[in-house]
């Protein structure tokens, strides 16, 4: 099983999955994209959203009371949780 296969299966218990574009830093060229990973998940509740701004907008439109949001990031996606919280507090 490859790392890609592991990633595709890792979120099997999640109600909804949002994956944004993958941004390289020091990694070598990738032979896959975030959109391909989402398609491989074969779930209607898995979504590819290209930008962090669009992700924040999507979450603010779809989160409901008592939902739990988990943001996993090795980069700037932590801004999503900050911006969503600020948007919910309005």
C-alpha atoms as a PDB file:
ATOM      1  CA  UNK A   1       0.000   0.000   0.000  1.00  0.00           C
ATOM      2  CA  UNK A   2       1.338   3.424  -0.935  1.00  0.00           C
ATOM      3  CA  UNK A   3       1.275   6.642   1.043  1.00  0.00           C
ATOM      4  CA  UNK A   4      -1.392   7.906  -1.351  1.00  0.00           C
ATOM      5  CA  UNK A   5      -3.551   4.849  -0.622  1.00  0.00           C
ATOM      6  CA  UNK A   6      -3.068   5.395   3.111  1.00  0.00           C
ATOM      7  CA  UNK A   7      -4.095   9.042   2.783  1.00  0.00           C
ATOM      8  CA  UNK A   8      -7.189   8.172   0.765  1.00  0.00           C
ATOM      9  CA  UNK A   9      -8.320   5.696   3.427  1.00  0.00           C
ATOM     10  CA  UNK A  10      -7.225   7.700   6.497  1.00  0.00           C
ATOM     11  CA  UNK A  11     -10.374   9.800   6.720  1.00  0.00           C
ATOM     12  CA  UNK A  12     -12.904   7.005   6.354  1.00  0.00           C
ATOM     13  CA  UNK A  13     -14.750   7.972   9.547  1.00  0.00           C
ATOM     14  CA  UNK A  14     -15.007  11.687   8.750  1.00  0.00           C
ATOM     15  CA  UNK A  15     -18.447  13.043   7.859  1.00  0.00           C
ATOM     16  CA  UNK A  16     -16.965  15.478   5.366  1.00  0.00           C
ATOM     17  CA  UNK A  17     -13.468  16.027   3.964  1.00  0.00           C
ATOM     18  CA  UNK A  18     -12.073  19.144   2.339  1.00  0.00           C
ATOM     19  CA  UNK A  19      -8.663  19.021   0.694  1.00  0.00           C
ATOM     20  CA  UNK A  20      -6.984  22.152  -0.631  1.00  0.00           C
ATOM     21  CA  UNK A  21      -4.215  22.402  -3.174  1.00  0.00           C
ATOM     22  CA  UNK A  22      -0.873  20.915  -2.143  1.00  0.00           C
ATOM     23  CA  UNK A  23       1.893  23.478  -2.016  1.00  0.00           C
ATOM     24  CA  UNK A  24       5.443  22.231  -2.263  1.00  0.00           C
ATOM     25  CA  UNK A  25       8.262  23.726  -0.259  1.00  0.00           C
ATOM     26  CA  UNK A  26      11.403  21.611  -0.383  1.00  0.00           C
ATOM     27  CA  UNK A  27       9.815  18.461  -1.779  1.00  0.00           C
ATOM     28  CA  UNK A  28      10.656  17.121  -5.192  1.00  0.00           C
ATOM     29  CA  UNK A  29       8.101  17.399  -7.974  1.00  0.00           C
ATOM     30  CA  UNK A  30       4.928  15.447  -7.144  1.00  0.00           C
ATOM     31  CA  UNK A  31       3.239  13.010  -9.469  1.00  0.00           C
ATOM     32  CA  UNK A  32      -0.197  13.603  -7.935  1.00  0.00           C
ATOM     33  CA  UNK A  33      -2.471  16.486  -7.033  1.00  0.00           C
ATOM     34  CA  UNK A  34      -4.908  17.201  -4.239  1.00  0.00           C
ATOM     35  CA  UNK A  35      -7.754  16.967  -6.721  1.00  0.00           C
ATOM     36  CA  UNK A  36      -6.614  13.464  -7.725  1.00  0.00           C
ATOM     37  CA  UNK A  37      -6.520  12.419  -4.058  1.00  0.00           C
ATOM     38  CA  UNK A  38     -10.092  13.601  -3.551  1.00  0.00           C
ATOM     39  CA  UNK A  39     -11.281  11.748  -6.658  1.00  0.00           C
ATOM     40  CA  UNK A  40      -9.557   8.598  -5.357  1.00  0.00           C
ATOM     41  CA  UNK A  41     -11.581   8.866  -2.142  1.00  0.00           C
ATOM     42  CA  UNK A  42     -14.741   8.084  -4.136  1.00  0.00           C
ATOM     43  CA  UNK A  43     -16.965   9.859  -1.621  1.00  0.00           C
ATOM     44  CA  UNK A  44     -19.623  12.466  -2.255  1.00  0.00           C
ATOM     45  CA  UNK A  45     -18.582  14.139   0.993  1.00  0.00           C
ATOM     46  CA  UNK A  46     -14.948  14.589  -0.076  1.00  0.00           C
ATOM     47  CA  UNK A  47     -14.329  17.957  -1.716  1.00  0.00           C
ATOM     48  CA  UNK A  48     -11.387  19.599  -3.437  1.00  0.00           C
ATOM     49  CA  UNK A  49     -11.326  23.351  -2.825  1.00  0.00           C
ATOM     50  CA  UNK A  50      -8.465  25.064  -4.629  1.00  0.00           C
ATOM     51  CA  UNK A  51      -7.715  28.031  -2.362  1.00  0.00           C
ATOM     52  CA  UNK A  52      -7.607  28.691   1.357  1.00  0.00           C
ATOM     53  CA  UNK A  53      -9.927  31.678   0.925  1.00  0.00           C
ATOM     54  CA  UNK A  54     -12.495  29.501  -0.855  1.00  0.00           C
ATOM     55  CA  UNK A  55     -12.117  26.884   1.879  1.00  0.00           C
ATOM     56  CA  UNK A  56     -12.905  29.460   4.557  1.00  0.00           C
ATOM     57  CA  UNK A  57     -15.944  30.646   2.596  1.00  0.00           C
ATOM     58  CA  UNK A  58     -17.168  27.058   2.100  1.00  0.00           C
ATOM     59  CA  UNK A  59     -16.815  26.283   5.806  1.00  0.00           C
ATOM     60  CA  UNK A  60     -18.608  29.435   6.921  1.00  0.00           C
ATOM     61  CA  UNK A  61     -21.491  28.528   4.608  1.00  0.00           C
ATOM     62  CA  UNK A  62     -21.710  24.861   5.684  1.00  0.00           C
ATOM     63  CA  UNK A  63     -20.664  24.530   9.330  1.00  0.00           C
ATOM     64  CA  UNK A  64     -23.544  23.968  11.710  1.00  0.00           C
ATOM     65  CA  UNK A  65     -23.901  24.233  15.475  1.00  0.00           C
ATOM     66  CA  UNK A  66     -21.945  21.489  17.290  1.00  0.00           C
ATOM     67  CA  UNK A  67     -19.837  20.591  14.208  1.00  0.00           C
ATOM     68  CA  UNK A  68     -16.179  19.848  14.879  1.00  0.00           C
ATOM     69  CA  UNK A  69     -13.620  21.325  12.494  1.00  0.00           C
ATOM     70  CA  UNK A  70     -10.154  19.787  12.329  1.00  0.00           C
ATOM     71  CA  UNK A  71      -7.576  21.604  10.193  1.00  0.00           C
ATOM     72  CA  UNK A  72      -4.405  19.688   9.383  1.00  0.00           C
ATOM     73  CA  UNK A  73      -1.618  21.685   7.800  1.00  0.00           C
ATOM     74  CA  UNK A  74       2.107  21.921   7.398  1.00  0.00           C
ATOM     75  CA  UNK A  75       1.762  25.392   5.939  1.00  0.00           C
ATOM     76  CA  UNK A  76      -0.570  28.352   5.783  1.00  0.00           C
ATOM     77  CA  UNK A  77      -3.824  26.412   6.127  1.00  0.00           C
ATOM     78  CA  UNK A  78      -3.832  27.214   9.846  1.00  0.00           C
ATOM     79  CA  UNK A  79      -5.202  30.587   8.694  1.00  0.00           C
ATOM     80  CA  UNK A  80      -8.390  28.751   7.737  1.00  0.00           C
ATOM     81  CA  UNK A  81      -9.223  27.930  11.359  1.00  0.00           C
ATOM     82  CA  UNK A  82      -8.390  31.473  12.471  1.00  0.00           C
ATOM     83  CA  UNK A  83     -10.534  33.003   9.725  1.00  0.00           C
ATOM     84  CA  UNK A  84     -13.428  30.594  10.283  1.00  0.00           C
ATOM     85  CA  UNK A  85     -13.448  31.359  14.008  1.00  0.00           C
ATOM     86  CA  UNK A  86     -13.423  35.097  13.301  1.00  0.00           C
ATOM     87  CA  UNK A  87     -16.258  34.656  10.813  1.00  0.00           C
ATOM     88  CA  UNK A  88     -18.353  32.654  13.261  1.00  0.00           C
ATOM     89  CA  UNK A  89     -17.891  35.250  15.978  1.00  0.00           C
ATOM     90  CA  UNK A  90     -19.467  37.988  13.817  1.00  0.00           C
END
